[in-house]
Amino acid sequence: MSLETITATMAAGAGEKPPLGKTVKFDFGDDGKIYLDGNNGNAVSNDDNPADCTLKVSMADFVDMAEGRANAMNMFMSGKLKVEGDMSVAMKLQSIIG
């Protein structure tokens, strides 16, 4: 799955949800970034802006989480998913990407 596909899918899903009220960045390393601006109606872009919460994960592991093949908590505990910033924001993301 490409960055463009993930971005478009996330934008479609996030636009249907109430605003998150925080900013989140998904950092896929060399594969790119996705920025969710929950202060602006859950706008999704590929900008590399500062965020309230940054999740660092490989794109493949993110796809596995989003499609239900991997558990985010297990990935966090094993070090495959790193959270920087406000952990409570990361906990709210299930409603946007789940």
Protein backbone atom coordinates (compact mmCIF):
# COMPACT_ATOMS: atom_id res chain seq x y z
CA MET A 1 0.00 0.00 0.00
CA SER A 2 1.38 3.41 -0.94
CA LEU A 3 1.60 6.60 1.11
CA GLU A 4 -0.93 8.20 -1.24
CA THR A 5 -3.42 5.39 -0.72
CA ILE A 6 -3.05 5.46 3.06
CA THR A 7 -3.39 9.26 3.08
CA ALA A 8 -6.54 9.17 0.95
CA THR A 9 -8.10 6.39 3.02
CA MET A 10 -7.33 8.19 6.27
CA ALA A 11 -8.67 11.49 4.91
CA ALA A 12 -11.93 9.84 3.90
CA GLY A 13 -12.39 8.17 7.28
CA ALA A 14 -11.28 11.15 9.37
CA GLY A 15 -13.59 13.52 7.53
CA GLU A 16 -16.58 11.49 8.71
CA LYS A 17 -15.58 11.67 12.40
CA PRO A 18 -15.87 14.48 14.97
CA PRO A 19 -12.70 16.63 15.11
CA LEU A 20 -10.00 15.08 17.25
CA GLY A 21 -9.00 18.45 18.73
CA LYS A 22 -5.28 17.62 18.56
CA THR A 23 -2.62 17.18 15.90
CA VAL A 24 -1.01 13.84 15.10
CA LYS A 25 1.87 12.88 12.84
CA PHE A 26 2.43 9.35 11.56
CA ASP A 27 6.14 9.06 10.77
CA PHE A 28 6.92 6.19 8.42
CA GLY A 29 10.61 7.11 8.17
CA ASP A 30 11.85 7.18 4.58
CA ASP A 31 8.37 6.19 3.34
CA GLY A 32 6.92 9.58 4.33
CA LYS A 33 4.60 11.15 6.85
CA ILE A 34 0.90 11.73 7.35
CA TYR A 35 -0.29 14.72 9.37
CA LEU A 36 -3.76 14.80 10.91
CA ASP A 37 -4.89 18.27 11.98
CA GLY A 38 -7.69 17.59 14.42
CA ASN A 39 -7.95 21.31 15.16
CA ASN A 40 -9.00 21.92 11.56
CA GLY A 41 -11.78 19.39 10.98
CA ASN A 42 -9.45 16.37 10.88
CA ALA A 43 -7.65 17.61 7.75
CA VAL A 44 -5.13 15.05 6.50
CA SER A 45 -1.97 15.88 4.55
CA ASN A 46 1.58 14.69 4.01
CA ASP A 47 3.05 17.76 5.73
CA ASP A 48 5.87 17.38 8.24
CA ASN A 49 4.48 19.79 10.85
CA PRO A 50 5.02 19.69 14.61
CA ALA A 51 2.30 17.63 16.30
CA ASP A 52 0.84 17.03 19.75
CA CYS A 53 1.58 13.33 19.24
CA THR A 54 3.95 11.61 16.81
CA LEU A 55 3.71 7.91 16.08
CA LYS A 56 6.81 6.32 14.56
CA VAL A 57 6.13 3.03 12.85
CA SER A 58 7.02 1.30 9.60
CA MET A 59 4.44 1.63 6.87
CA ALA A 60 4.01 -2.16 6.71
CA ASP A 61 3.35 -2.36 10.46
CA PHE A 62 0.90 0.56 10.24
CA VAL A 63 -1.04 -1.20 7.48
CA ASP A 64 -1.13 -4.37 9.59
CA MET A 65 -2.55 -2.37 12.52
CA ALA A 66 -5.11 -0.53 10.40
CA GLU A 67 -6.29 -3.77 8.79
CA GLY A 68 -6.54 -5.60 12.12
CA ARG A 69 -3.64 -8.03 11.63
CA ALA A 70 -1.56 -6.44 14.42
CA ASN A 71 -2.40 -5.05 17.82
CA ALA A 72 -1.13 -1.52 18.50
CA MET A 73 -0.46 -2.23 22.19
CA ASN A 74 1.62 -5.30 21.37
CA MET A 75 3.55 -3.33 18.76
CA PHE A 76 4.15 -0.55 21.28
CA MET A 77 5.38 -3.00 23.92
CA SER A 78 7.71 -4.69 21.42
CA GLY A 79 9.16 -1.37 20.24
CA LYS A 80 7.76 -1.51 16.71
CA LEU A 81 5.52 1.48 17.48
CA LYS A 82 6.98 4.51 19.23
CA VAL A 83 4.86 7.34 20.61
CA GLU A 84 6.28 10.80 21.22
CA GLY A 85 4.30 13.55 22.91
CA ASP A 86 0.79 13.27 24.31
CA MET A 87 0.02 9.57 24.78
CA SER A 88 -3.67 10.32 25.40
CA VAL A 89 -3.95 11.52 21.78
CA ALA A 90 -2.60 8.19 20.56
CA MET A 91 -5.30 6.41 22.57
CA LYS A 92 -8.03 8.41 20.78
CA LEU A 93 -6.79 7.44 17.32
CA GLN A 94 -8.70 4.18 17.19
CA SER A 95 -11.82 6.15 16.40
CA ILE A 96 -10.09 7.75 13.38
CA ILE A 97 -8.06 4.90 11.88
CA GLY A 98 -9.80 1.86 13.30
